[in-house]
């Protein structure tokens, strides 16, 4: 698939998973739901790899890398973000997770000496400003007390864990390890980690047999995990962490569009400003470097003319 198709699928699928996650919360412990989600996703990937005769045999050192990858991206990341929403609203959680792009920029620089251009910084800054504007009505009502600070801290730590998972995935692909088998093992280790965490907390593996829970679980496993993560992790290697992670800023924008049709969400001026700014930031980020240089040159020329005037 082309990068555009992979990016589109990632953004649209993950932008819609918030609906499915709503149906996962309630009678079943979040840890158990995460175990079901990633265990099922891992089984599907293992089955596909076996069908395609892709290797599933790796050495101990590689399995250690897969385990760390799975714990960061499919375990701690989700566990901390789920718990964060017990202290803060989803708007603040979305804003905190949108800093994934910033975390990936810094980590890519540290891990891989990746050079970050002015184009990336500008696109990222526009995106983060757009996210704040998008959720401004909800943010302005929040009192930054102890509960909010705990929630924001959990969100940021969870986002940092996701970034570490991204870096490990890039390292695995640099070592020419096949994407789907490594992802399958990562999801399996993530599910195992969540199982241990659930048992340590004295919680049980309850299950809900209603249609909403089962259908949302299938959607999250097949589309939200197998397909979306395969697209996203492929883009990490092709485009780099800094550009790919702009998808984390696009998710809330897609969620707002879906909410408009599903929940009759009414747009305000802050919604329009935020949504527009996010899209402009995305366009800046994906523009060809030569076009961005022309834009900068034109801006510089205008500044010089004004100074002469």
Protein backbone atom coordinates (compact mmCIF):
# COMPACT_ATOMS: atom_id res chain seq x y z
CA UNK A 1 0.00 0.00 0.00
CA UNK A 2 1.06 3.60 -0.58
CA UNK A 3 1.97 5.77 2.39
CA UNK A 4 -1.17 7.88 1.83
CA UNK A 5 -3.44 4.83 2.10
CA UNK A 6 -1.63 3.55 5.20
CA UNK A 7 -1.89 6.97 6.85
CA UNK A 8 -5.57 7.32 5.94
CA UNK A 9 -6.43 3.88 7.36
CA UNK A 10 -4.50 4.54 10.57
CA UNK A 11 -6.19 7.90 11.20
CA UNK A 12 -9.72 6.80 10.30
CA UNK A 13 -9.59 3.53 12.26
CA UNK A 14 -8.00 4.93 15.40
CA UNK A 15 -10.17 8.03 15.18
CA UNK A 16 -13.22 5.76 15.37
CA UNK A 17 -12.04 3.39 18.10
CA UNK A 18 -13.18 5.80 20.85
CA UNK A 19 -16.75 4.67 20.15
CA UNK A 20 -15.80 1.02 20.58
CA UNK A 21 -13.80 1.74 23.75
CA UNK A 22 -16.88 3.33 25.33
CA UNK A 23 -18.63 -0.05 25.05
CA UNK A 24 -15.66 -1.79 26.68
CA UNK A 25 -15.89 0.23 29.88
CA UNK A 26 -18.33 -0.86 32.55
CA UNK A 27 -18.81 -4.36 33.97
CA UNK A 28 -15.51 -5.81 32.72
CA UNK A 29 -12.20 -4.65 34.23
CA UNK A 30 -10.22 -2.53 31.71
CA UNK A 31 -7.20 -4.80 32.21
CA UNK A 32 -9.27 -7.86 31.25
CA UNK A 33 -10.65 -6.10 28.16
CA UNK A 34 -7.11 -5.24 27.08
CA UNK A 35 -6.04 -8.86 27.56
CA UNK A 36 -8.94 -10.05 25.39
CA UNK A 37 -8.23 -7.42 22.75
CA UNK A 38 -4.52 -8.05 22.27
CA UNK A 39 -4.65 -11.82 22.84
CA UNK A 40 -7.24 -12.11 20.06
CA UNK A 41 -5.24 -9.75 17.83
CA UNK A 42 -2.07 -11.80 18.46
CA UNK A 43 -3.86 -15.06 17.61
CA UNK A 44 -5.14 -13.58 14.34
CA UNK A 45 -1.65 -12.38 13.41
CA UNK A 46 -0.07 -15.72 14.34
CA UNK A 47 -2.65 -17.52 12.17
CA UNK A 48 -1.97 -15.16 9.24
CA UNK A 49 1.79 -15.54 9.59
CA UNK A 50 1.44 -19.34 9.63
CA UNK A 51 -0.79 -19.20 6.55
CA UNK A 52 1.76 -17.02 4.73
CA UNK A 53 4.61 -19.20 6.06
CA UNK A 54 6.28 -16.23 7.75
CA UNK A 55 8.84 -17.17 10.36
CA UNK A 56 7.71 -17.14 13.98
CA UNK A 57 10.93 -18.56 15.40
CA UNK A 58 13.32 -16.09 17.04
CA UNK A 59 16.18 -16.22 19.55
CA UNK A 60 15.99 -15.25 23.21
CA UNK A 61 17.50 -11.80 22.69
CA UNK A 62 14.90 -11.01 20.02
CA UNK A 63 12.09 -12.25 22.27
CA UNK A 64 13.34 -9.94 25.02
CA UNK A 65 13.03 -7.05 22.56
CA UNK A 66 9.53 -8.18 21.55
CA UNK A 67 8.49 -8.39 25.22
CA UNK A 68 9.72 -4.86 25.94
CA UNK A 69 8.02 -3.64 22.76
CA UNK A 70 4.74 -5.30 23.76
CA UNK A 71 4.79 -4.09 27.36
CA UNK A 72 5.40 -0.48 26.27
CA UNK A 73 3.00 -0.26 23.31
CA UNK A 74 0.28 -2.82 24.08
CA UNK A 75 0.41 -2.89 27.87
CA UNK A 76 1.52 0.08 29.97
CA UNK A 77 0.49 2.61 27.32
CA UNK A 78 -3.18 1.57 27.36
CA UNK A 79 -3.29 0.73 31.07
CA UNK A 80 -2.06 4.20 32.08
CA UNK A 81 -4.33 6.04 29.61
CA UNK A 82 -7.40 4.07 30.76
CA UNK A 83 -6.61 4.90 34.38
CA UNK A 84 -5.95 8.53 33.49
CA UNK A 85 -9.54 8.89 32.31
CA UNK A 86 -10.71 7.98 35.81
CA UNK A 87 -9.21 11.31 36.95
CA UNK A 88 -9.63 13.62 33.94
CA UNK A 89 -11.99 13.94 30.97
CA UNK A 90 -11.28 12.49 27.53
CA UNK A 91 -10.39 15.94 26.15
CA UNK A 92 -7.38 16.29 28.45
CA UNK A 93 -6.38 12.68 27.76
CA UNK A 94 -6.48 13.37 24.01
CA UNK A 95 -4.32 16.46 24.40
CA UNK A 96 -1.81 14.59 26.56
CA UNK A 97 -1.62 11.70 24.09
CA UNK A 98 -1.17 14.15 21.21
CA UNK A 99 2.23 14.98 22.72
CA UNK A 100 3.28 11.60 21.28
CA UNK A 101 4.62 13.52 18.31
CA UNK A 102 6.84 15.64 20.55
CA UNK A 103 8.00 12.55 22.46
CA UNK A 104 8.81 10.77 19.21
CA UNK A 105 10.73 13.76 17.86
CA UNK A 106 12.90 13.85 21.00
CA UNK A 107 13.34 10.07 21.20
CA UNK A 108 14.14 9.73 17.48
CA UNK A 109 16.81 12.38 17.96
CA UNK A 110 18.26 10.53 20.99
CA UNK A 111 17.94 6.96 19.66
CA UNK A 112 18.67 7.45 15.96
CA UNK A 113 20.20 10.96 15.62
CA UNK A 114 17.27 11.90 13.36
CA UNK A 115 17.54 15.45 12.04
CA UNK A 116 14.31 17.38 12.60
CA UNK A 117 13.50 20.10 10.07
CA UNK A 118 11.75 23.43 10.63
CA UNK A 119 8.87 22.01 8.58
CA UNK A 120 8.28 19.28 11.18
CA UNK A 121 8.45 21.71 14.09
CA UNK A 122 5.98 24.09 12.44
CA UNK A 123 3.55 21.32 11.50
CA UNK A 124 3.74 19.82 14.99
CA UNK A 125 3.25 23.19 16.70
CA UNK A 126 0.17 23.92 14.57
CA UNK A 127 -1.21 20.48 15.35
CA UNK A 128 -0.79 20.81 19.12
CA UNK A 129 -2.31 24.31 19.07
CA UNK A 130 -5.21 22.94 17.05
CA UNK A 131 -5.83 20.17 19.61
CA UNK A 132 -5.96 22.71 22.45
CA UNK A 133 -8.37 24.92 20.47
CA UNK A 134 -10.51 21.92 19.54
CA UNK A 135 -11.09 20.99 23.17
CA UNK A 136 -10.92 24.47 24.66
CA UNK A 137 -14.52 24.52 26.02
CA UNK A 138 -13.83 21.34 28.03
CA UNK A 139 -10.37 22.49 29.12
CA UNK A 140 -11.54 25.88 30.34
CA UNK A 141 -13.91 24.20 32.81
CA UNK A 142 -11.22 22.01 34.37
CA UNK A 143 -9.77 22.85 37.77
CA UNK A 144 -6.13 21.82 37.89
CA UNK A 145 -6.31 20.22 41.31
CA UNK A 146 -4.60 17.08 42.57
CA UNK A 147 -6.96 14.76 40.66
CA UNK A 148 -6.32 16.50 37.33
CA UNK A 149 -2.56 16.51 37.88
CA UNK A 150 -2.62 12.76 38.60
CA UNK A 151 -4.61 12.13 35.42
CA UNK A 152 -2.33 14.28 33.28
CA UNK A 153 0.77 12.62 34.75
CA UNK A 154 -0.60 9.14 33.98
CA UNK A 155 -1.47 10.24 30.42
CA UNK A 156 1.98 11.68 29.78
CA UNK A 157 3.76 8.62 31.19
CA UNK A 158 1.52 6.37 29.09
CA UNK A 159 2.33 8.46 26.01
CA UNK A 160 6.05 8.19 26.78
CA UNK A 161 5.67 4.39 27.01
CA UNK A 162 4.00 4.41 23.58
CA UNK A 163 6.92 6.42 22.20
CA UNK A 164 9.42 3.91 23.60
CA UNK A 165 7.40 1.17 21.91
CA UNK A 166 7.62 3.09 18.63
CA UNK A 167 11.40 3.35 18.95
CA UNK A 168 11.78 -0.38 19.67
CA UNK A 169 9.62 -1.21 16.65
CA UNK A 170 11.85 0.96 14.45
CA UNK A 171 14.93 -0.80 15.82
CA UNK A 172 13.39 -4.23 15.10
CA UNK A 173 12.68 -3.23 11.51
CA UNK A 174 16.18 -1.77 11.10
CA UNK A 175 17.43 -5.24 12.09
CA UNK A 176 15.31 -6.63 9.21
CA UNK A 177 12.94 -8.46 11.55
CA UNK A 178 9.58 -9.09 9.81
CA UNK A 179 6.88 -6.65 10.90
CA UNK A 180 3.85 -8.92 11.32
CA UNK A 181 5.53 -11.71 13.31
CA UNK A 182 7.25 -9.19 15.62
CA UNK A 183 3.93 -7.39 16.11
CA UNK A 184 2.19 -10.69 16.87
CA UNK A 185 4.75 -11.55 19.53
CA UNK A 186 4.59 -8.01 20.91
CA UNK A 187 0.81 -8.19 21.29
CA UNK A 188 1.10 -11.62 22.92
CA UNK A 189 3.62 -10.30 25.45
CA UNK A 190 1.44 -7.22 26.03
CA UNK A 191 -1.55 -9.46 26.78
CA UNK A 192 0.59 -11.59 29.12
CA UNK A 193 1.81 -8.49 30.95
CA UNK A 194 -1.77 -7.24 31.41
CA UNK A 195 -2.78 -10.69 32.70
CA UNK A 196 -0.08 -10.57 35.37
CA UNK A 197 -1.06 -6.99 36.28
CA UNK A 198 -4.73 -7.93 36.56
CA UNK A 199 -4.01 -10.92 38.84
CA UNK A 200 -1.62 -8.88 41.01
CA UNK A 201 -4.47 -6.41 41.62
CA UNK A 202 -6.82 -9.23 42.66
CA UNK A 203 -9.20 -8.62 39.76
CA UNK A 204 -11.01 -11.34 37.84
CA UNK A 205 -11.44 -12.25 34.18
CA UNK A 206 -15.10 -11.36 33.92
CA UNK A 207 -16.76 -11.15 30.51
CA UNK A 208 -19.85 -9.49 29.07
CA UNK A 209 -21.85 -11.47 26.53
CA UNK A 210 -23.96 -8.57 25.29
CA UNK A 211 -23.74 -7.65 21.61
CA UNK A 212 -22.24 -4.18 22.17
CA UNK A 213 -19.29 -5.52 24.20
CA UNK A 214 -18.48 -8.43 21.87
CA UNK A 215 -18.84 -6.42 18.64
CA UNK A 216 -16.69 -3.57 20.00
CA UNK A 217 -14.08 -6.09 21.17
CA UNK A 218 -13.93 -7.62 17.68
CA UNK A 219 -13.63 -4.19 16.08
CA UNK A 220 -10.82 -3.16 18.43
CA UNK A 221 -8.98 -6.45 17.91
CA UNK A 222 -9.26 -6.74 14.13
CA UNK A 223 -9.35 -3.12 12.96
CA UNK A 224 -8.00 -1.15 15.93
CA UNK A 225 -5.11 -3.57 16.61
CA UNK A 226 -4.23 -5.85 13.68
CA UNK A 227 -4.91 -3.50 10.75
CA UNK A 228 -4.22 -0.09 12.30
CA UNK A 229 -1.02 -1.10 14.09
CA UNK A 230 0.28 -2.87 10.96
CA UNK A 231 -0.30 0.34 8.98
CA UNK A 232 1.14 2.61 11.68
CA UNK A 233 4.27 0.55 12.37
CA UNK A 234 4.96 0.27 8.62
CA UNK A 235 4.79 4.06 8.34
CA UNK A 236 7.21 4.43 11.26
CA UNK A 237 9.92 2.83 9.15
CA UNK A 238 8.96 4.51 5.87
CA UNK A 239 8.36 8.08 7.06
CA UNK A 240 10.03 8.24 10.46
CA UNK A 241 8.52 8.64 13.91
CA UNK A 242 8.11 12.42 13.72
CA UNK A 243 5.86 12.44 10.65
CA UNK A 244 3.96 9.24 11.40
CA UNK A 245 3.06 10.31 14.93
CA UNK A 246 1.14 13.32 13.59
CA UNK A 247 -1.60 10.72 13.26
CA UNK A 248 -2.04 10.99 17.06
CA UNK A 249 -3.09 14.62 16.51
CA UNK A 250 -5.47 13.68 13.70
CA UNK A 251 -7.33 11.03 15.78
CA UNK A 252 -9.30 13.54 17.90
CA UNK A 253 -10.20 15.56 14.79
CA UNK A 254 -11.65 12.43 13.15
CA UNK A 255 -13.45 11.58 16.41
CA UNK A 256 -15.11 15.01 16.38
CA UNK A 257 -16.33 14.49 12.81
CA UNK A 258 -17.77 11.08 13.69
CA UNK A 259 -19.37 12.50 16.84
CA UNK A 260 -21.08 15.12 14.67
CA UNK A 261 -23.02 12.38 12.88
CA UNK A 262 -23.30 9.77 15.63
CA UNK A 263 -23.95 11.92 18.71
CA UNK A 264 -25.27 15.12 17.09
CA UNK A 265 -22.24 17.07 18.29
CA UNK A 266 -22.61 20.82 17.62
CA UNK A 267 -19.58 22.71 16.36
CA UNK A 268 -18.49 25.96 17.99
CA UNK A 269 -15.99 28.58 16.86
CA UNK A 270 -13.23 26.80 18.83
CA UNK A 271 -14.10 23.53 17.05
CA UNK A 272 -13.75 25.17 13.63
CA UNK A 273 -10.50 26.93 14.55
CA UNK A 274 -9.00 23.80 16.10
CA UNK A 275 -10.03 21.49 13.27
CA UNK A 276 -8.73 23.93 10.62
CA UNK A 277 -5.41 24.42 12.42
CA UNK A 278 -4.90 20.65 12.73
CA UNK A 279 -5.50 20.20 9.00
CA UNK A 280 -3.13 23.06 8.12
CA UNK A 281 -0.47 21.53 10.36
CA UNK A 282 -0.95 18.19 8.62
CA UNK A 283 -0.59 19.84 5.19
CA UNK A 284 2.60 21.61 6.30
CA UNK A 285 4.02 18.32 7.57
CA UNK A 286 3.31 16.27 4.44
CA UNK A 287 4.21 19.01 1.92
CA UNK A 288 7.22 18.34 -0.28
CA UNK A 289 10.32 20.01 1.25
CA UNK A 290 10.84 22.07 -1.92
CA UNK A 291 7.35 23.57 -1.58
CA UNK A 292 8.02 24.40 2.06
CA UNK A 293 11.31 26.08 1.13
CA UNK A 294 9.48 28.18 -1.46
CA UNK A 295 6.96 29.18 1.19
CA UNK A 296 9.73 30.18 3.59
CA UNK A 297 11.54 32.11 0.86
CA UNK A 298 8.35 34.00 0.00
CA UNK A 299 7.78 34.81 3.68
CA UNK A 300 11.36 36.05 4.05
CA UNK A 301 11.01 38.23 0.94
CA UNK A 302 7.83 39.79 2.31
CA UNK A 303 9.58 40.56 5.59
CA UNK A 304 12.48 42.25 3.78
CA UNK A 305 10.06 44.36 1.71
CA UNK A 306 8.26 45.50 4.85
CA UNK A 307 11.57 46.40 6.50
CA UNK A 308 12.56 48.50 3.46
CA UNK A 309 9.18 50.24 3.48
